[in-house]
Protein backbone atom coordinates (compact mmCIF):
# COMPACT_ATOMS: atom_id res chain seq x y z
CA MET A 1 -2.87 62.66 -20.48
CA SER A 2 -1.03 63.24 -23.73
CA SER A 3 -0.44 66.55 -25.31
CA HIS A 4 -1.21 65.36 -28.57
CA PRO A 5 -4.73 65.29 -29.77
CA LEU A 6 -6.32 61.83 -30.80
CA ASN A 7 -6.15 61.15 -34.42
CA MET A 8 -9.28 60.42 -35.70
CA SER A 9 -9.66 57.94 -38.51
CA GLN A 10 -12.23 58.47 -41.49
CA GLN A 11 -15.01 56.54 -39.37
CA GLY A 12 -14.52 59.07 -36.70
CA THR A 13 -13.02 56.67 -33.86
CA ALA A 14 -9.95 57.25 -31.93
CA ALA A 15 -6.75 55.88 -33.44
CA ASN A 16 -5.03 53.01 -31.60
CA PRO A 17 -3.26 54.43 -28.75
CA TRP A 18 -0.30 51.88 -29.21
CA ASP A 19 0.13 53.16 -32.74
CA LEU A 20 3.50 54.72 -32.57
CA SER A 21 3.71 55.77 -36.22
CA GLN A 22 2.50 59.31 -35.40
CA VAL A 23 4.84 59.94 -32.59
CA PRO A 24 7.82 62.09 -33.16
CA ASP A 25 11.26 60.10 -33.23
CA GLU A 26 12.67 62.08 -30.04
CA ASP A 27 9.59 60.52 -28.08
CA LEU A 28 10.51 57.13 -29.28
CA GLU A 29 14.18 57.72 -28.41
CA VAL A 30 13.13 58.76 -24.71
CA GLN A 31 11.08 55.82 -24.15
CA THR A 32 13.41 53.17 -25.40
CA ASP A 33 16.38 54.78 -23.80
CA ASN A 34 16.38 52.71 -20.91
CA SER A 35 16.95 49.26 -22.84
CA LYS A 36 19.66 48.22 -20.35
CA GLU A 37 17.19 48.23 -17.80
CA THR A 38 14.73 46.51 -19.90
CA GLU A 39 17.39 43.79 -20.58
CA HIS A 40 18.11 43.47 -17.10
CA ALA A 41 14.46 43.09 -16.27
CA LYS A 42 14.10 40.39 -18.95
CA GLU A 43 17.24 38.47 -17.56
CA THR A 44 15.77 38.85 -14.06
CA LYS A 45 12.47 37.36 -15.14
CA ARG A 46 14.25 34.72 -17.09
CA GLY A 47 16.48 33.81 -14.04
CA TRP A 48 13.16 33.70 -11.78
CA HIS A 49 11.54 31.36 -14.23
CA GLU A 50 14.64 29.23 -14.43
CA ALA A 51 14.73 29.18 -10.69
CA MET A 52 10.94 28.44 -10.73
CA LYS A 53 11.61 25.47 -13.03
CA LYS A 54 14.58 24.07 -10.93
CA GLU A 55 12.35 24.35 -7.71
CA ARG A 56 9.40 22.55 -9.58
CA ARG A 57 11.85 19.77 -10.64
CA VAL A 58 13.16 19.40 -7.10
CA GLU A 59 9.74 19.07 -5.84
CA ILE A 60 8.69 16.61 -8.56
CA ARG A 61 11.85 14.27 -7.55
CA TRP A 62 10.87 14.79 -3.68
CA GLN A 63 7.44 13.79 -4.60
CA ARG A 64 8.82 10.80 -6.46
CA VAL A 65 10.88 9.77 -3.37
CA VAL A 66 8.04 10.16 -1.04
CA GLU A 67 5.90 8.03 -3.31
CA ALA A 68 8.38 5.44 -3.57
CA GLN A 69 9.00 5.18 0.13
CA ARG A 70 5.18 4.76 0.63
CA CYS A 71 4.94 2.18 -2.01
CA GLU A 72 7.93 0.36 -0.32
CA GLU A 73 6.20 0.82 3.12
CA GLU A 74 2.86 -0.67 1.59
CA GLU A 75 4.50 -3.52 0.14
CA HIS A 76 6.43 -4.29 3.48
CA GLN A 77 3.16 -4.26 5.21
CA LYS A 78 1.32 -6.37 2.81
CA ALA A 79 4.35 -8.86 3.14
CA GLU A 80 3.78 -8.66 6.83
CA GLU A 81 0.30 -9.19 6.59
CA GLU A 82 0.44 -12.05 4.30
CA GLN A 83 3.17 -13.76 6.48
CA LEU A 84 0.77 -13.30 9.50
CA ALA A 85 -2.20 -14.76 7.79
CA GLN A 86 0.00 -17.64 6.34
CA GLU A 87 1.12 -18.31 10.08
CA GLN A 88 -2.39 -18.19 11.14
CA VAL A 89 -3.37 -20.72 8.65
CA GLU A 90 -0.56 -23.02 9.76
CA ARG A 91 -1.46 -22.68 13.39
CA GLU A 92 -5.13 -23.53 12.37
CA GLN A 93 -3.94 -26.65 10.57
CA GLN A 94 -2.03 -27.48 13.45
CA VAL A 95 -4.83 -27.30 15.84
CA GLN A 96 -6.95 -29.32 13.44
CA GLU A 97 -4.46 -32.16 13.29
CA GLU A 98 -3.96 -32.27 16.76
CA CYS A 99 -7.66 -32.47 17.34
CA GLU A 100 -8.02 -35.26 14.83
CA ARG A 101 -5.18 -37.02 16.58
CA GLN A 102 -6.90 -36.76 19.85
CA ARG A 103 -10.17 -38.01 18.49
CA ALA A 104 -8.14 -40.98 16.96
CA GLU A 105 -6.49 -41.86 20.27
CA GLU A 106 -10.01 -41.49 21.98
CA ALA A 107 -11.62 -44.02 19.49
CA ALA A 108 -8.67 -46.35 19.82
CA GLN A 109 -8.85 -46.34 23.44
CA GLN A 110 -12.61 -46.48 23.64
CA ALA A 111 -12.17 -49.63 21.02
CA VAL A 112 -9.61 -51.26 23.53
CA ASN A 113 -12.17 -50.64 26.38
CA ILE A 114 -14.93 -51.99 24.73
CA LYS A 115 -12.98 -55.00 23.55
CA GLY A 116 -11.46 -55.32 26.91
CA LYS A 117 -14.79 -55.34 28.53
CA GLY A 118 -16.16 -57.69 26.15
CA HIS A 119 -13.11 -59.90 26.89
CA VAL A 120 -13.80 -59.70 30.68
CA GLU A 121 -17.36 -60.53 30.57
CA GLU A 122 -16.54 -63.44 28.37
CA LEU A 123 -14.10 -64.72 31.14
CA GLN A 124 -16.60 -64.03 33.65
CA ARG A 125 -19.33 -66.20 32.00
CA GLU A 126 -16.80 -68.90 31.35
CA SER A 127 -15.91 -69.06 34.84
CA GLN A 128 -19.43 -69.12 35.87
CA ASN A 129 -20.01 -72.02 33.59
CA GLY A 130 -16.93 -74.00 34.97
CA GLN A 131 -15.49 -74.23 31.55
CA HIS A 132 -12.11 -72.88 32.67
CA ALA A 133 -12.17 -74.86 35.99
CA HIS A 134 -9.45 -77.19 35.01
CA LEU A 135 -7.08 -74.18 34.53
CA LEU A 136 -7.46 -72.88 38.18
CA PRO A 137 -4.21 -73.07 39.95
CA HIS A 138 -5.51 -75.29 42.84
CA ASP A 139 -5.93 -78.11 40.58
CA TRP A 140 -2.39 -78.20 39.41
CA GLY A 141 -0.61 -79.79 42.31
């Protein structure tokens, strides 16, 4: 505790303990004599703050690099997915076109078969009726 009694103001309360107006100059000199240490502490603190700021800037740059890489990877993955989707669409179109070609070929073959069957039936009827008897090879010679 201080050897000085607390100064009482007119209201009867204690004076501000940081009020140095009542402290003798000798005490002030002793308290401020270590100004080199105080300046060194301030420089150290400033250096620490600068180092922290620099570290934070490095962290921010690193985060930006990581974020840029992540975005690039996402874009690459999205491009791959789009390419795969496009290839799938093309394969489906090729399958559909092939199915349509096969159906068209089958329909054409059926039409030929029906036409051919009808032509064979017609020839059979005509031969039964003797309409083409004059075209038979045994009558030629």
